[in-house]
């Protein structure tokens, strides 16, 4: 059975942050969340702030990274192409 990667959910990030504050090991947290300890380690390293790991900022930065990694839309509302297409459609061009 092939392995499939899934991003951590907001609930998993909250559990991770809570258990880290309780000084639980990554292996222990991984068993609870059914995640690899290396996945949790990468999550903490990638989203650690100056005062440690917090689930709220981690979720926001993960969401922003995902948004930034996608290419911009070719027909973004308000753009030049959008204005041209809407104008031509109003003239019944297809």
Protein backbone atom coordinates (compact mmCIF):
# COMPACT_ATOMS: atom_id res chain seq x y z
CA UNK A 1 0.00 0.00 0.00
CA UNK A 2 1.59 3.32 -1.04
CA UNK A 3 2.10 6.01 1.55
CA UNK A 4 0.31 9.29 1.09
CA UNK A 5 1.33 12.60 2.66
CA UNK A 6 -1.26 14.78 4.36
CA UNK A 7 -0.56 18.14 5.92
CA UNK A 8 -1.11 18.49 9.64
CA UNK A 9 -4.57 19.75 10.54
CA UNK A 10 -5.24 22.63 12.92
CA UNK A 11 -6.32 20.13 15.60
CA UNK A 12 -3.11 18.14 15.19
CA UNK A 13 -1.05 21.32 15.49
CA UNK A 14 -2.92 22.29 18.67
CA UNK A 15 -2.34 18.82 20.14
CA UNK A 16 1.34 18.99 19.19
CA UNK A 17 1.77 22.39 20.85
CA UNK A 18 -0.08 21.27 23.98
CA UNK A 19 1.88 18.08 24.38
CA UNK A 20 5.20 19.85 23.75
CA UNK A 21 4.35 22.20 26.64
CA UNK A 22 3.84 19.09 28.77
CA UNK A 23 7.36 17.96 27.77
CA UNK A 24 6.12 14.87 25.91
CA UNK A 25 8.54 13.30 23.44
CA UNK A 26 8.00 13.46 19.70
CA UNK A 27 7.68 9.67 19.59
CA UNK A 28 4.95 9.75 22.21
CA UNK A 29 3.08 12.52 20.37
CA UNK A 30 3.57 10.69 17.07
CA UNK A 31 1.98 7.53 18.45
CA UNK A 32 -1.03 9.52 19.64
CA UNK A 33 -1.46 11.40 16.35
CA UNK A 34 -0.43 8.40 14.21
CA UNK A 35 2.27 10.52 12.62
CA UNK A 36 5.96 9.94 12.11
CA UNK A 37 8.17 11.66 14.72
CA UNK A 38 10.23 13.09 11.84
CA UNK A 39 7.10 14.76 10.44
CA UNK A 40 6.46 16.39 13.80
CA UNK A 41 10.10 17.41 14.09
CA UNK A 42 9.98 19.09 10.67
CA UNK A 43 6.74 20.84 11.66
CA UNK A 44 8.30 22.24 14.83
CA UNK A 45 11.51 23.29 13.06
CA UNK A 46 9.66 24.95 10.20
CA UNK A 47 7.12 26.81 12.35
CA UNK A 48 9.06 27.60 15.52
CA UNK A 49 8.86 31.22 16.60
CA UNK A 50 11.15 33.19 18.87
CA UNK A 51 9.23 31.93 21.91
CA UNK A 52 8.85 28.33 20.74
CA UNK A 53 6.16 26.44 18.84
CA UNK A 54 2.58 27.73 18.85
CA UNK A 55 -0.24 26.15 16.86
CA UNK A 56 -2.02 29.37 15.81
CA UNK A 57 0.91 31.06 14.07
CA UNK A 58 2.01 27.67 12.69
CA UNK A 59 -1.39 27.18 11.04
CA UNK A 60 -1.34 30.70 9.58
CA UNK A 61 2.17 30.34 8.18
CA UNK A 62 1.37 26.91 6.70
CA UNK A 63 -1.74 28.35 5.03
CA UNK A 64 0.29 31.29 3.68
CA UNK A 65 3.06 29.02 2.35
CA UNK A 66 0.47 26.92 0.55
CA UNK A 67 -1.14 30.02 -0.95
CA UNK A 68 2.24 31.45 -2.03
CA UNK A 69 3.32 28.18 -3.67
CA UNK A 70 0.46 28.21 -6.15
CA UNK A 71 0.85 30.06 -9.44
CA UNK A 72 -1.22 33.22 -9.87
CA UNK A 73 -4.52 32.88 -11.68
CA UNK A 74 -4.47 33.73 -15.36
CA UNK A 75 -7.85 35.43 -15.15
CA UNK A 76 -7.69 37.22 -11.79
CA UNK A 77 -10.65 39.46 -11.04
CA UNK A 78 -9.74 43.11 -11.56
CA UNK A 79 -6.74 42.34 -13.78
CA UNK A 80 -6.19 43.46 -17.37
CA UNK A 81 -7.22 40.11 -18.83
CA UNK A 82 -10.36 40.12 -16.68
CA UNK A 83 -11.39 43.52 -18.01
CA UNK A 84 -10.78 42.44 -21.61
CA UNK A 85 -12.72 39.18 -21.24
CA UNK A 86 -15.69 40.77 -19.49
CA UNK A 87 -15.82 43.53 -22.09
CA UNK A 88 -15.73 41.08 -25.00
CA UNK A 89 -18.37 38.90 -23.32
CA UNK A 90 -20.62 41.93 -22.89
CA UNK A 91 -20.30 42.45 -26.64
CA UNK A 92 -21.50 38.84 -27.04
CA UNK A 93 -18.11 37.57 -28.22
CA UNK A 94 -17.39 34.01 -27.24
